[in-house]
Protein backbone atom coordinates (compact mmCIF):
# COMPACT_ATOMS: atom_id res chain seq x y z
CA MET A 1 -25.37 -1.95 -38.91
CA GLU A 2 -24.96 -2.86 -35.26
CA PRO A 3 -25.33 -0.11 -32.65
CA VAL A 4 -22.24 1.33 -30.97
CA PRO A 5 -22.92 -0.28 -27.58
CA SER A 6 -22.58 -3.75 -29.13
CA HIS A 7 -19.10 -2.89 -30.39
CA THR A 8 -18.20 -1.53 -26.96
CA HIS A 9 -19.54 -4.66 -25.33
CA ARG A 10 -17.46 -6.88 -27.62
CA LEU A 11 -14.35 -4.85 -26.87
CA TRP A 12 -14.91 -5.06 -23.12
CA SER A 13 -15.60 -8.77 -23.42
CA PHE A 14 -12.42 -9.31 -25.46
CA LEU A 15 -10.39 -7.42 -22.83
CA ALA A 16 -12.14 -9.29 -19.96
CA LEU A 17 -13.32 -6.00 -18.43
CA LYS A 18 -16.08 -5.97 -15.83
CA ARG A 19 -16.99 -3.48 -13.13
CA GLU A 20 -14.93 -5.31 -10.52
CA THR A 21 -11.85 -5.60 -12.69
CA VAL A 22 -12.06 -1.97 -13.89
CA GLY A 23 -12.07 -0.79 -10.25
CA LEU A 24 -9.10 -3.03 -9.51
CA LEU A 25 -7.16 -1.73 -12.53
CA LEU A 26 -7.67 1.91 -11.53
CA LEU A 27 -6.36 1.13 -8.07
CA VAL A 28 -3.33 -0.62 -9.57
CA VAL A 29 -2.52 2.49 -11.62
CA LEU A 30 -2.78 4.95 -8.72
CA VAL A 31 -0.94 2.97 -6.06
CA GLY A 32 1.49 1.41 -8.55
CA LEU A 33 2.59 4.79 -9.91
CA GLY A 34 3.49 6.01 -6.43
CA GLU A 35 5.23 2.75 -5.57
CA ARG A 36 7.45 2.88 -8.66
CA LEU A 37 8.56 6.51 -8.35
CA ALA A 38 11.38 5.63 -5.97
CA GLU A 39 11.59 1.82 -5.86
CA ARG A 40 14.11 1.42 -8.67
CA PHE A 41 16.42 4.07 -7.16
CA LEU A 42 16.46 2.69 -3.62
CA PRO A 43 19.96 1.13 -4.02
CA ILE A 44 21.34 4.55 -5.04
CA TYR A 45 19.46 6.16 -2.12
CA LEU A 46 20.92 3.64 0.33
CA LEU A 47 24.45 4.33 -0.92
CA ALA A 48 23.87 8.10 -0.56
CA LEU A 49 22.73 7.58 3.05
CA GLY A 50 25.85 5.58 3.93
CA GLY A 51 24.62 2.05 3.33
CA GLY A 52 26.93 -0.40 1.60
CA VAL A 53 26.70 -3.39 -0.71
CA TRP A 54 25.34 -5.64 2.03
CA VAL A 55 22.61 -3.14 2.88
CA ILE A 56 21.55 -3.21 -0.78
CA GLY A 57 21.65 -7.00 -0.71
CA THR A 58 19.58 -7.00 2.49
CA LEU A 59 16.94 -4.82 0.83
CA GLY A 60 16.79 -7.21 -2.12
CA ALA A 61 16.43 -10.17 0.23
CA MET A 62 13.74 -8.33 2.19
CA GLN A 63 11.75 -7.69 -0.97
CA ASN A 64 11.55 -11.41 -1.68
CA LEU A 65 11.23 -12.52 1.94
CA LEU A 66 8.41 -10.06 2.67
CA SER A 67 6.75 -10.98 -0.61
CA ALA A 68 6.79 -14.57 0.59
CA LEU A 69 5.61 -13.86 4.13
CA TYR A 70 2.89 -11.47 2.97
CA SER A 71 1.51 -13.85 0.35
CA LEU A 72 -0.09 -16.15 2.92
CA PRO A 73 -1.95 -13.44 4.91
CA GLY A 74 -2.76 -11.74 1.59
CA GLY A 75 -4.69 -14.79 0.41
CA TYR A 76 -6.21 -15.30 3.86
CA LEU A 77 -7.38 -11.68 4.16
CA ALA A 78 -9.06 -11.86 0.75
CA GLU A 79 -11.02 -14.97 1.70
CA HIS A 80 -11.69 -13.96 5.33
CA LEU A 81 -12.59 -10.24 5.00
CA GLY A 82 -13.43 -9.97 1.32
CA ILE A 83 -11.39 -8.38 -1.43
CA ARG A 84 -12.53 -4.76 -0.91
CA LYS A 85 -11.75 -4.60 2.81
CA SER A 86 -8.44 -6.44 2.41
CA LEU A 87 -7.27 -3.94 -0.23
CA ILE A 88 -8.09 -1.01 2.08
CA ILE A 89 -5.97 -2.50 4.86
CA ILE A 90 -3.10 -3.14 2.46
CA ASN A 91 -3.16 0.40 1.08
CA VAL A 92 -3.08 2.01 4.54
CA THR A 93 -0.15 -0.22 5.50
CA ALA A 94 1.87 0.96 2.49
CA MET A 95 1.09 4.61 3.28
CA CYS A 96 2.56 4.20 6.77
CA GLY A 97 5.78 2.89 5.20
CA TYR A 98 6.04 5.93 2.93
CA LEU A 99 5.68 8.24 5.94
CA ILE A 100 8.59 6.58 7.75
CA VAL A 101 10.96 7.04 4.80
CA ILE A 102 9.84 10.65 4.26
CA LEU A 103 10.26 11.67 7.91
CA VAL A 104 13.52 9.81 8.69
CA PRO A 105 16.29 10.14 6.02
CA ARG A 106 18.45 7.22 7.24
CA TRP A 107 19.18 3.93 5.54
CA GLU A 108 17.88 2.09 8.60
CA ALA A 109 14.53 3.86 8.17
CA VAL A 110 14.37 2.66 4.56
CA LEU A 111 14.62 -0.95 5.72
CA VAL A 112 11.97 -0.38 8.41
CA GLY A 113 9.66 1.48 6.04
CA ALA A 114 10.13 -1.20 3.39
CA VAL A 115 8.49 -3.71 5.73
CA LEU A 116 5.32 -1.65 5.29
CA PHE A 117 5.42 -0.09 1.82
CA LEU A 118 6.38 -3.37 0.16
CA ALA A 119 3.09 -4.75 1.48
CA TRP A 120 1.04 -3.42 -1.42
CA SER A 121 2.48 -5.59 -4.21
CA SER A 122 2.78 -8.70 -2.07
CA LEU A 123 -0.45 -8.61 -0.08
CA SER A 124 -2.68 -7.39 -2.90
CA LEU A 125 -1.64 -9.97 -5.52
CA PRO A 126 -3.58 -12.97 -4.11
CA ALA A 127 -6.67 -10.76 -3.68
CA SER A 128 -6.31 -9.42 -7.23
CA MET A 129 -5.87 -12.88 -8.75
CA GLY A 130 -8.74 -14.20 -6.61
CA LEU A 131 -11.02 -11.46 -7.94
CA ILE A 132 -10.05 -12.24 -11.54
CA ALA A 133 -10.65 -15.97 -11.04
CA GLN A 134 -13.96 -15.20 -9.31
CA VAL A 135 -15.51 -12.98 -11.97
CA LEU A 136 -14.01 -14.43 -15.18
CA PRO A 137 -14.44 -17.87 -16.79
CA SER A 138 -11.41 -20.10 -17.36
CA ASN A 139 -11.10 -19.19 -21.05
CA LYS A 140 -10.79 -15.47 -20.17
CA ARG A 141 -8.44 -15.68 -17.18
CA THR A 142 -5.24 -15.24 -19.15
CA MET A 143 -6.71 -12.07 -20.68
CA GLY A 144 -7.86 -10.92 -17.24
CA VAL A 145 -4.42 -11.49 -15.75
CA THR A 146 -2.92 -9.83 -18.82
CA MET A 147 -4.98 -6.67 -18.33
CA HIS A 148 -3.84 -6.58 -14.69
CA SER A 149 -0.20 -7.05 -15.75
CA LEU A 150 -0.50 -4.57 -18.62
CA VAL A 151 -2.04 -1.82 -16.51
CA LYS A 152 0.47 -2.54 -13.74
CA ARG A 153 3.32 -1.90 -16.20
CA LEU A 154 2.05 1.55 -17.16
CA PRO A 155 3.02 3.11 -13.80
CA MET A 156 6.13 0.93 -13.81
CA ALA A 157 7.10 2.66 -17.07
CA LEU A 158 6.15 6.21 -16.05
CA GLY A 159 7.14 6.11 -12.38
CA PRO A 160 10.91 5.66 -12.80
CA VAL A 161 11.04 8.52 -15.33
CA ILE A 162 9.38 10.90 -12.87
CA GLY A 163 11.53 9.51 -10.07
CA GLY A 164 14.67 9.93 -12.18
CA VAL A 165 13.81 13.57 -12.86
CA CYS A 166 13.34 14.11 -9.10
CA VAL A 167 16.76 12.56 -8.39
CA ASP A 168 18.56 14.57 -11.09
CA ARG A 169 16.84 17.81 -10.08
CA PHE A 170 16.86 17.58 -6.27
CA GLY A 171 19.65 15.09 -5.55
CA GLU A 172 19.90 11.46 -4.54
CA VAL A 173 18.49 12.06 -1.04
CA GLU A 174 15.93 14.86 -1.33
CA GLY A 175 14.79 13.67 -4.75
CA ILE A 176 13.89 10.24 -3.37
CA ARG A 177 12.08 11.76 -0.38
CA ILE A 178 10.02 13.95 -2.73
CA ALA A 179 9.19 10.86 -4.81
CA PHE A 180 7.94 9.08 -1.67
CA GLY A 181 5.83 12.16 -0.86
CA ILE A 182 4.14 11.92 -4.26
CA ALA A 183 3.63 8.19 -3.62
CA LEU A 184 1.86 8.97 -0.35
CA VAL A 185 -0.55 11.37 -2.09
CA LEU A 186 -1.33 8.90 -4.88
CA ALA A 187 -1.96 6.11 -2.37
CA GLY A 188 -4.42 8.39 -0.57
CA ILE A 189 -6.28 9.04 -3.82
CA GLY A 190 -6.30 5.29 -4.45
CA LEU A 191 -7.74 4.68 -1.00
CA PHE A 192 -10.63 7.01 -1.81
CA ALA A 193 -11.15 5.56 -5.30
CA GLN A 194 -11.24 1.92 -4.23
CA GLN A 195 -14.02 2.59 -1.74
CA ARG A 196 -16.07 4.16 -4.53
CA LEU A 197 -15.40 1.76 -7.37
CA ILE A 198 -14.76 -1.72 -5.96
CA PRO A 199 -18.08 -3.13 -4.67
CA GLU A 200 -18.44 -4.79 -1.30
CA ASP A 201 -18.09 -8.54 -1.60
CA LYS A 202 -19.06 -11.35 0.70
CA PRO A 203 -16.07 -13.22 2.13
CA GLY A 204 -15.93 -16.94 1.60
CA THR A 205 -14.94 -19.68 4.01
CA PRO A 206 -11.17 -19.34 4.40
CA PRO A 207 -8.90 -22.31 5.03
CA PRO A 208 -7.22 -22.52 8.45
CA PHE A 209 -4.52 -19.87 8.90
CA SER A 210 -1.77 -22.46 9.03
CA PRO A 211 1.21 -22.41 6.65
CA ALA A 212 1.39 -26.21 6.57
CA LYS A 213 -2.30 -26.64 5.74
CA VAL A 214 -2.33 -23.87 3.17
CA LEU A 215 0.82 -25.19 1.49
CA ALA A 216 -0.98 -28.53 1.26
CA LEU A 217 -3.32 -26.81 -1.22
CA LEU A 218 -0.51 -26.91 -3.80
CA THR A 219 -1.31 -29.63 -6.33
CA PRO A 220 1.46 -31.83 -7.82
CA ASN A 221 1.49 -29.84 -11.06
CA MET A 222 1.71 -26.59 -9.10
CA ARG A 223 4.77 -27.96 -7.30
CA GLN A 224 6.57 -28.74 -10.57
CA LEU A 225 5.83 -25.22 -11.80
CA LEU A 226 7.04 -23.89 -8.44
CA VAL A 227 10.47 -25.57 -8.73
CA SER A 228 11.10 -24.13 -12.18
CA ASP A 229 9.79 -20.72 -11.12
CA ILE A 230 12.15 -20.63 -8.12
CA LEU A 231 15.18 -21.35 -10.31
CA VAL A 232 14.19 -18.65 -12.81
CA ARG A 233 13.52 -16.13 -10.03
CA PHE A 234 17.03 -16.78 -8.72
CA CYS A 235 18.15 -15.69 -12.19
CA GLU A 236 16.15 -12.48 -11.81
CA GLN A 237 16.93 -11.65 -8.19
CA ILE A 238 20.67 -12.36 -8.00
CA PRO A 239 21.44 -9.21 -10.04
CA TYR A 240 18.15 -7.32 -9.51
CA ALA A 241 19.21 -4.79 -6.84
CA PHE A 242 22.52 -4.18 -8.62
CA VAL A 243 21.20 -3.48 -12.12
CA VAL A 244 20.89 0.25 -11.36
CA VAL A 245 24.39 0.23 -9.82
CA TRP A 246 25.78 -1.46 -12.96
CA CYS A 247 24.12 1.12 -15.22
CA MET A 248 24.92 4.26 -13.18
CA LYS A 249 28.25 3.38 -11.54
CA VAL A 250 30.10 0.47 -13.20
CA ILE A 251 29.94 0.50 -17.00
CA ALA A 252 32.36 2.44 -19.23
CA GLU A 253 29.71 5.05 -20.08
CA PRO A 254 27.46 5.38 -17.00
CA VAL A 255 23.92 6.70 -17.48
CA SER A 256 22.09 9.36 -15.47
CA ALA A 257 19.09 8.68 -13.24
CA THR A 258 16.77 10.11 -15.90
CA GLN A 259 18.31 7.86 -18.56
CA PHE A 260 17.85 4.87 -16.26
CA GLY A 261 14.21 5.89 -15.93
CA TYR A 262 13.97 5.87 -19.73
CA LEU A 263 15.46 2.38 -19.81
CA THR A 264 12.81 1.17 -17.38
CA SER A 265 10.13 2.78 -19.55
CA ILE A 266 11.51 0.97 -22.59
CA GLU A 267 11.34 -2.30 -20.65
CA MET A 268 7.72 -1.73 -19.66
CA LEU A 269 6.64 -0.51 -23.10
CA THR A 270 8.11 -3.68 -24.62
CA ALA A 271 6.12 -5.77 -22.14
CA VAL A 272 2.90 -3.85 -22.84
CA LEU A 273 3.23 -4.36 -26.62
CA VAL A 274 3.38 -8.16 -26.32
CA TYR A 275 0.77 -8.70 -23.59
CA LEU A 276 -2.50 -8.64 -25.53
CA PRO A 277 -1.54 -10.78 -28.56
CA VAL A 278 0.14 -13.34 -26.30
CA ALA A 279 -2.90 -13.49 -23.99
CA TRP A 280 -5.23 -14.03 -26.95
CA LEU A 281 -3.05 -16.85 -28.28
CA ALA A 282 -2.43 -18.46 -24.87
CA ASP A 283 -6.15 -18.74 -24.08
CA ARG A 284 -6.61 -20.64 -27.36
CA SER A 285 -3.45 -22.66 -27.94
CA GLY A 286 -2.15 -23.47 -24.47
CA LYS A 287 0.01 -21.63 -21.96
CA LYS A 288 3.14 -23.79 -21.63
CA PRO A 289 5.02 -22.67 -24.80
CA PHE A 290 4.65 -19.03 -23.79
CA VAL A 291 6.01 -19.71 -20.32
CA VAL A 292 9.05 -21.48 -21.82
CA ILE A 293 9.77 -18.45 -24.02
CA THR A 294 9.41 -16.17 -20.99
CA PHE A 295 11.93 -18.19 -18.99
CA LEU A 296 14.41 -18.01 -21.88
CA PHE A 297 14.21 -14.20 -21.90
CA PHE A 298 14.76 -14.19 -18.12
CA SER A 299 17.93 -16.21 -18.73
CA ALA A 300 19.18 -13.98 -21.55
CA PHE A 301 18.94 -10.61 -19.79
CA PRO A 302 21.92 -10.94 -17.38
CA LEU A 303 24.17 -12.15 -20.20
CA VAL A 304 23.20 -9.28 -22.51
CA LEU A 305 23.53 -6.78 -19.65
CA LEU A 306 27.07 -8.00 -19.04
CA HIS A 307 28.07 -6.83 -22.51
CA ALA A 308 26.11 -3.54 -22.46
CA ASP A 309 28.56 -0.73 -21.68
CA SER A 310 26.69 2.29 -23.10
CA PHE A 311 23.16 3.67 -23.17
CA GLU A 312 22.56 2.33 -26.68
CA TRP A 313 23.45 -1.24 -25.71
CA LEU A 314 21.51 -0.91 -22.47
CA VAL A 315 18.44 -0.16 -24.58
CA VAL A 316 18.89 -3.57 -26.22
CA ALA A 317 19.29 -5.24 -22.82
CA PHE A 318 16.15 -3.61 -21.42
CA VAL A 319 14.10 -4.56 -24.47
CA ILE A 320 15.05 -8.16 -23.70
CA ARG A 321 14.17 -7.53 -20.06
CA GLY A 322 10.75 -6.35 -21.21
CA LEU A 323 10.29 -9.47 -23.33
CA LYS A 324 10.67 -11.59 -20.19
CA GLU A 325 7.08 -10.56 -19.48
CA PHE A 326 6.07 -12.38 -22.69
CA GLY A 327 4.32 -15.22 -20.90
CA GLU A 328 4.02 -13.94 -17.33
CA PRO A 329 0.20 -13.60 -17.48
CA ALA A 330 0.05 -17.12 -18.91
CA ARG A 331 2.17 -18.35 -15.97
CA LYS A 332 -0.14 -16.72 -13.41
CA ALA A 333 -3.23 -18.00 -15.22
CA LEU A 334 -1.65 -21.47 -15.21
CA ILE A 335 -1.29 -21.26 -11.42
CA LEU A 336 -5.00 -20.40 -11.16
CA ASP A 337 -5.94 -23.27 -13.51
CA LEU A 338 -3.93 -25.77 -11.46
CA ALA A 339 -5.13 -24.49 -8.05
CA PRO A 340 -8.06 -26.03 -6.13
CA PRO A 341 -11.19 -24.16 -7.35
CA ALA A 342 -12.56 -23.61 -3.82
CA HIS A 343 -9.42 -21.86 -2.54
CA ARG A 344 -7.69 -20.20 -5.50
CA ALA A 345 -6.68 -17.01 -3.63
CA ALA A 346 -5.23 -19.00 -0.70
CA ALA A 347 -3.42 -21.45 -3.02
CA PHE A 348 -2.04 -18.55 -5.05
CA GLY A 349 -0.77 -16.98 -1.84
CA ALA A 350 0.74 -20.29 -0.71
CA TYR A 351 2.54 -20.64 -4.05
CA TYR A 352 4.12 -17.20 -3.68
CA LEU A 353 4.93 -17.87 -0.03
CA ALA A 354 6.97 -20.93 -0.97
CA ARG A 355 8.54 -19.31 -4.03
CA ASP A 356 9.63 -16.00 -2.56
CA LEU A 357 10.73 -17.48 0.74
CA VAL A 358 13.36 -19.50 -1.12
CA VAL A 359 14.16 -16.79 -3.68
CA SER A 360 14.98 -14.30 -0.92
CA LEU A 361 18.18 -16.32 -0.45
CA GLY A 362 19.01 -15.65 -4.09
CA ALA A 363 18.71 -11.91 -3.60
CA LEU A 364 20.96 -12.01 -0.55
CA SER A 365 23.51 -14.21 -2.33
CA GLY A 366 23.58 -11.58 -5.06
CA ALA A 367 25.57 -9.31 -2.73
CA LEU A 368 28.20 -12.01 -2.20
CA LEU A 369 28.43 -12.73 -5.91
CA TRP A 370 28.67 -9.01 -6.69
CA GLN A 371 31.64 -8.70 -4.32
CA LEU A 372 33.30 -11.56 -6.21
CA GLY A 373 32.71 -9.52 -9.36
CA PRO A 374 29.75 -8.20 -11.38
CA GLU A 375 30.62 -10.73 -14.08
CA VAL A 376 30.31 -13.63 -11.60
CA ASN A 377 26.93 -12.30 -10.46
CA LEU A 378 25.52 -12.06 -13.99
CA TRP A 379 26.89 -15.42 -15.23
CA CYS A 380 25.46 -17.24 -12.20
CA ALA A 381 22.09 -15.60 -12.80
CA THR A 382 22.01 -16.87 -16.39
CA LEU A 383 22.86 -20.42 -15.25
CA PHE A 384 19.93 -20.50 -12.82
CA GLY A 385 17.59 -19.25 -15.55
CA LEU A 386 18.58 -22.01 -17.96
CA LEU A 387 18.14 -24.69 -15.27
CA GLY A 388 14.64 -23.41 -14.48
CA THR A 389 13.67 -23.35 -18.14
CA ILE A 390 14.79 -26.96 -18.67
CA TRP A 391 12.95 -28.14 -15.53
CA PHE A 392 9.69 -26.51 -16.63
CA ALA A 393 9.93 -27.83 -20.19
CA LEU A 394 10.54 -31.41 -19.00
CA TRP A 395 8.34 -31.79 -15.93
CA CYS A 396 5.50 -29.27 -15.75
CA GLN A 397 2.13 -30.31 -17.20
CA GLU A 398 -0.37 -27.67 -18.25
CA LYS A 399 -3.60 -29.46 -17.37
CA PRO A 400 -4.57 -30.73 -13.91
CA THR A 401 -4.34 -34.51 -13.71
CA GLY A 402 -6.81 -35.26 -10.96
CA ASP A 403 -4.69 -33.41 -8.46
CA GLY A 404 -6.96 -30.60 -7.52
């Protein structure tokens, strides 16, 4: 009979867990929980503060635009300062954004604060993926990315429920401010924890801090994946900021903030349940089929949402929304596989720079399409998703072909 430590070692090996990745995952839980307490209710908060449809659309565009603009310095920071120091800077930046929203209850302050508190997700992703690629072999990267995605979804499931309770109990303005206060505290705990648990690392030799030169790191196969990803993200972002408005204001049987939090939890629980088996299969049988299935679920969600007019049917829609995460870790691992080995963090950041810079237009156009009618918005989203799926299936190759 083998000793217990050998079983533990096999489990940790199967889950691609090492000291560096465990420290990263704990940080993702702490900061992610705070981030998600109020994020999904920001459109409702903006309406309560006097902002209109175009303000909501602007916030959606900002989320994608800032994600794009932050991706490049995120990858550069990770390679120039090291992962540990870059994550500290990112965390402090997000905390400053929370403070602005807490202290100034105006919709203008939300847009200003968003410039800072949206930094965590965008800036930290290249560093996180760079760490995973650095400490894990190629045949464990999908599992490593999966563990990051899985753990990230836990606060995404719990946060909106807590945030929804705050909104229902304290109101659409004070409830959101309280949620941001909790986020500030959790980010502070995360700042302390990351200094203790993530070891100091030696920075590498970063590429020149030039968008043109960093974008040149994208290999031909990465560019084909990028085109399909942009089309599918248009599908996601055109209705994204208005999903909560549809559920709480438009449908025949509107839901409460707490119920919307439950819907988000259902979405995240669905994603969590499929992550591990898909990661295990993708590392052994190839990533492309799983990405195709993911893109199909992206395309289906707006169409199902259009016909969901009660809480029960919204549950079905949000299960499908959770299934869109089916092959997301495989997609991110595919980016890492296709990236130049010497500059994976920078290439990952460049990929997201290009993707989200273009997709920010999709989020902004969502406001225009919503004014034409919610049905127009959701049908257009589905069309973009199907186009992206077809492009990926026809043109994207899984293996590098001498391009990187």
